[in-house]
């Protein structure tokens, strides 16, 4: 049985930076960076899976995800506005009692440079069975 936790606001919007190698391509005019802090879910068992699921709702050229400043899976991806794409990232080995997610995106369409995180994507933690 799985359980999901939505990571809604507050996502902090920052000017895009590129401190980690593969994310360097993201730093440009059509780039956005979002930070979200959260506590580790309680009651986790040692073998329980913990995934970050991002459902993209805007056209994205590339995407990088970091948990506690560790790159999780900087995945280049392409989608068009008619397609909704979900991406999953395994967070289990990166979680600490207090956590920070950083999501960097390069938009495919520069006409939307001021999207909020909620406009761009829906994020949730998915806690799996043992």
C-alpha atoms as a PDB file:
ATOM      1  CA  UNK A   1       0.000   0.000   0.000  1.00  0.00           C
ATOM      2  CA  UNK A   2       1.336   3.451  -0.878  1.00  0.00           C
ATOM      3  CA  UNK A   3       0.738   6.801   0.744  1.00  0.00           C
ATOM      4  CA  UNK A   4       1.408  10.172  -0.881  1.00  0.00           C
ATOM      5  CA  UNK A   5       2.199  13.555   0.644  1.00  0.00           C
ATOM      6  CA  UNK A   6       1.716  16.625  -1.545  1.00  0.00           C
ATOM      7  CA  UNK A   7       4.510  19.160  -1.422  1.00  0.00           C
ATOM      8  CA  UNK A   8       2.490  22.288  -2.049  1.00  0.00           C
ATOM      9  CA  UNK A   9       3.482  25.801  -1.100  1.00  0.00           C
ATOM     10  CA  UNK A  10       5.689  27.233   0.224  1.00  0.00           C
ATOM     11  CA  UNK A  11       8.130  26.753  -2.678  1.00  0.00           C
ATOM     12  CA  UNK A  12      10.654  29.578  -2.674  1.00  0.00           C
ATOM     13  CA  UNK A  13      11.519  30.954  -6.116  1.00  0.00           C
ATOM     14  CA  UNK A  14      15.162  31.928  -6.678  1.00  0.00           C
ATOM     15  CA  UNK A  15      17.216  33.212  -9.601  1.00  0.00           C
ATOM     16  CA  UNK A  16      18.558  30.112 -11.364  1.00  0.00           C
ATOM     17  CA  UNK A  17      22.101  29.091 -10.464  1.00  0.00           C
ATOM     18  CA  UNK A  18      24.241  26.188 -11.563  1.00  0.00           C
ATOM     19  CA  UNK A  19      26.398  25.000  -8.653  1.00  0.00           C
ATOM     20  CA  UNK A  20      26.534  21.333  -9.690  1.00  0.00           C
ATOM     21  CA  UNK A  21      28.034  20.009 -12.927  1.00  0.00           C
ATOM     22  CA  UNK A  22      25.126  18.597 -14.937  1.00  0.00           C
ATOM     23  CA  UNK A  23      22.898  21.520 -13.957  1.00  0.00           C
ATOM     24  CA  UNK A  24      25.258  24.068 -15.569  1.00  0.00           C
ATOM     25  CA  UNK A  25      23.264  24.030 -18.802  1.00  0.00           C
ATOM     26  CA  UNK A  26      20.224  25.319 -16.927  1.00  0.00           C
ATOM     27  CA  UNK A  27      21.553  28.806 -16.126  1.00  0.00           C
ATOM     28  CA  UNK A  28      19.917  31.147 -18.665  1.00  0.00           C
ATOM     29  CA  UNK A  29      17.065  33.620 -19.165  1.00  0.00           C
ATOM     30  CA  UNK A  30      14.342  30.977 -19.368  1.00  0.00           C
ATOM     31  CA  UNK A  31      15.509  29.172 -16.221  1.00  0.00           C
ATOM     32  CA  UNK A  32      13.781  28.942 -12.855  1.00  0.00           C
ATOM     33  CA  UNK A  33      14.887  27.511  -9.515  1.00  0.00           C
ATOM     34  CA  UNK A  34      12.639  26.489  -6.630  1.00  0.00           C
ATOM     35  CA  UNK A  35      13.468  25.453  -3.044  1.00  0.00           C
ATOM     36  CA  UNK A  36      11.156  23.526  -0.692  1.00  0.00           C
ATOM     37  CA  UNK A  37      12.027  22.516   2.861  1.00  0.00           C
ATOM     38  CA  UNK A  38      10.301  19.642   4.642  1.00  0.00           C
ATOM     39  CA  UNK A  39      10.718  17.228   7.528  1.00  0.00           C
ATOM     40  CA  UNK A  40      11.242  13.547   6.915  1.00  0.00           C
ATOM     41  CA  UNK A  41       7.972  11.607   7.053  1.00  0.00           C
ATOM     42  CA  UNK A  42       7.485   9.807  10.364  1.00  0.00           C
ATOM     43  CA  UNK A  43       6.977   6.087  10.872  1.00  0.00           C
ATOM     44  CA  UNK A  44       9.174   4.978   7.970  1.00  0.00           C
ATOM     45  CA  UNK A  45      10.443   1.424   7.961  1.00  0.00           C
ATOM     46  CA  UNK A  46      14.038   0.598   6.929  1.00  0.00           C
ATOM     47  CA  UNK A  47      13.080  -0.883   3.549  1.00  0.00           C
ATOM     48  CA  UNK A  48      10.199   1.417   2.643  1.00  0.00           C
ATOM     49  CA  UNK A  49      10.562   3.255  -0.669  1.00  0.00           C
ATOM     50  CA  UNK A  50      10.367   7.050  -0.753  1.00  0.00           C
ATOM     51  CA  UNK A  51       9.929   8.616  -4.163  1.00  0.00           C
ATOM     52  CA  UNK A  52       9.628  12.199  -5.281  1.00  0.00           C
ATOM     53  CA  UNK A  53       7.062  12.371  -8.071  1.00  0.00           C
ATOM     54  CA  UNK A  54       6.978  15.494 -10.236  1.00  0.00           C
ATOM     55  CA  UNK A  55       4.095  15.930 -12.658  1.00  0.00           C
ATOM     56  CA  UNK A  56       5.073  18.589 -15.169  1.00  0.00           C
ATOM     57  CA  UNK A  57       2.333  20.947 -16.294  1.00  0.00           C
ATOM     58  CA  UNK A  58       4.444  23.230 -18.503  1.00  0.00           C
ATOM     59  CA  UNK A  59       6.822  22.604 -21.384  1.00  0.00           C
ATOM     60  CA  UNK A  60      10.274  21.956 -19.903  1.00  0.00           C
ATOM     61  CA  UNK A  61      13.515  21.680 -21.852  1.00  0.00           C
ATOM     62  CA  UNK A  62      15.624  20.337 -18.975  1.00  0.00           C
ATOM     63  CA  UNK A  63      15.288  19.647 -15.276  1.00  0.00           C
ATOM     64  CA  UNK A  64      17.647  19.015 -12.320  1.00  0.00           C
ATOM     65  CA  UNK A  65      16.641  17.868  -8.828  1.00  0.00           C
ATOM     66  CA  UNK A  66      18.766  18.032  -5.651  1.00  0.00           C
ATOM     67  CA  UNK A  67      17.910  16.761  -2.173  1.00  0.00           C
ATOM     68  CA  UNK A  68      20.046  18.235   0.606  1.00  0.00           C
ATOM     69  CA  UNK A  69      22.444  19.556  -2.068  1.00  0.00           C
ATOM     70  CA  UNK A  70      22.981  16.068  -3.520  1.00  0.00           C
ATOM     71  CA  UNK A  71      22.001  15.633  -7.175  1.00  0.00           C
ATOM     72  CA  UNK A  72      19.253  13.047  -7.425  1.00  0.00           C
ATOM     73  CA  UNK A  73      18.675  12.690 -11.124  1.00  0.00           C
ATOM     74  CA  UNK A  74      19.353  15.692 -13.321  1.00  0.00           C
ATOM     75  CA  UNK A  75      17.229  14.494 -16.206  1.00  0.00           C
ATOM     76  CA  UNK A  76      17.092  16.292 -19.520  1.00  0.00           C
ATOM     77  CA  UNK A  77      13.516  15.990 -20.686  1.00  0.00           C
ATOM     78  CA  UNK A  78      11.352  17.378 -23.402  1.00  0.00           C
ATOM     79  CA  UNK A  79       7.588  17.646 -23.389  1.00  0.00           C
ATOM     80  CA  UNK A  80       5.024  19.642 -25.298  1.00  0.00           C
ATOM     81  CA  UNK A  81       2.118  21.529 -23.771  1.00  0.00           C
ATOM     82  CA  UNK A  82      -0.412  18.879 -24.796  1.00  0.00           C
ATOM     83  CA  UNK A  83       1.474  16.204 -22.857  1.00  0.00           C
ATOM     84  CA  UNK A  84       1.694  15.861 -19.074  1.00  0.00           C
ATOM     85  CA  UNK A  85       4.812  14.055 -17.955  1.00  0.00           C
ATOM     86  CA  UNK A  86       5.539  12.505 -14.559  1.00  0.00           C
ATOM     87  CA  UNK A  87       9.064  11.884 -13.331  1.00  0.00           C
ATOM     88  CA  UNK A  88      10.077   9.904 -10.234  1.00  0.00           C
ATOM     89  CA  UNK A  89      13.240  10.198  -8.152  1.00  0.00           C
ATOM     90  CA  UNK A  90      14.354   7.833  -5.374  1.00  0.00           C
ATOM     91  CA  UNK A  91      14.947   9.927  -2.234  1.00  0.00           C
ATOM     92  CA  UNK A  92      15.423   7.118   0.303  1.00  0.00           C
ATOM     93  CA  UNK A  93      19.205   7.358   0.663  1.00  0.00           C
ATOM     94  CA  UNK A  94      19.177  11.181   0.701  1.00  0.00           C
ATOM     95  CA  UNK A  95      16.569  11.889   3.383  1.00  0.00           C
ATOM     96  CA  UNK A  96      17.559  13.390   6.713  1.00  0.00           C
ATOM     97  CA  UNK A  97      15.340  14.526   9.608  1.00  0.00           C
ATOM     98  CA  UNK A  98      15.139  17.990   7.956  1.00  0.00           C
ATOM     99  CA  UNK A  99      15.392  18.226   4.140  1.00  0.00           C
ATOM    100  CA  UNK A 100      15.658  20.679   1.295  1.00  0.00           C
ATOM    101  CA  UNK A 101      14.624  19.999  -2.296  1.00  0.00           C
ATOM    102  CA  UNK A 102      15.953  22.166  -5.093  1.00  0.00           C
ATOM    103  CA  UNK A 103      14.351  21.911  -8.524  1.00  0.00           C
ATOM    104  CA  UNK A 104      15.952  23.736 -11.436  1.00  0.00           C
ATOM    105  CA  UNK A 105      14.136  23.926 -14.742  1.00  0.00           C
ATOM    106  CA  UNK A 106      14.832  25.374 -18.148  1.00  0.00           C
ATOM    107  CA  UNK A 107      11.553  26.280 -19.814  1.00  0.00           C
ATOM    108  CA  UNK A 108      10.975  25.317 -23.432  1.00  0.00           C
ATOM    109  CA  UNK A 109       8.921  28.497 -23.901  1.00  0.00           C
ATOM    110  CA  UNK A 110      10.591  31.721 -22.763  1.00  0.00           C
ATOM    111  CA  UNK A 111       7.255  33.584 -22.834  1.00  0.00           C
ATOM    112  CA  UNK A 112       6.470  32.274 -19.319  1.00  0.00           C
ATOM    113  CA  UNK A 113       9.554  33.292 -17.254  1.00  0.00           C
ATOM    114  CA  UNK A 114       7.625  34.032 -14.042  1.00  0.00           C
ATOM    115  CA  UNK A 115       5.760  30.779 -13.415  1.00  0.00           C
ATOM    116  CA  UNK A 116       5.230  29.719  -9.817  1.00  0.00           C
ATOM    117  CA  UNK A 117       6.177  26.157  -8.881  1.00  0.00           C
ATOM    118  CA  UNK A 118       2.477  25.232  -8.755  1.00  0.00           C
ATOM    119  CA  UNK A 119       2.013  26.486 -12.334  1.00  0.00           C
ATOM    120  CA  UNK A 120       4.980  24.459 -13.509  1.00  0.00           C
ATOM    121  CA  UNK A 121       4.592  21.190 -11.684  1.00  0.00           C
ATOM    122  CA  UNK A 122       2.928  19.196  -8.934  1.00  0.00           C
ATOM    123  CA  UNK A 123       5.226  17.513  -6.419  1.00  0.00           C
ATOM    124  CA  UNK A 124       4.493  14.707  -3.982  1.00  0.00           C
ATOM    125  CA  UNK A 125       6.370  12.231  -1.859  1.00  0.00           C
ATOM    126  CA  UNK A 126       5.187   8.677  -2.462  1.00  0.00           C
ATOM    127  CA  UNK A 127       5.826   6.301   0.417  1.00  0.00           C
ATOM    128  CA  UNK A 128       5.763   2.694  -0.697  1.00  0.00           C
ATOM    129  CA  UNK A 129       5.227  -0.591   1.053  1.00  0.00           C
ATOM    130  CA  UNK A 130       8.153  -2.554   2.511  1.00  0.00           C
END
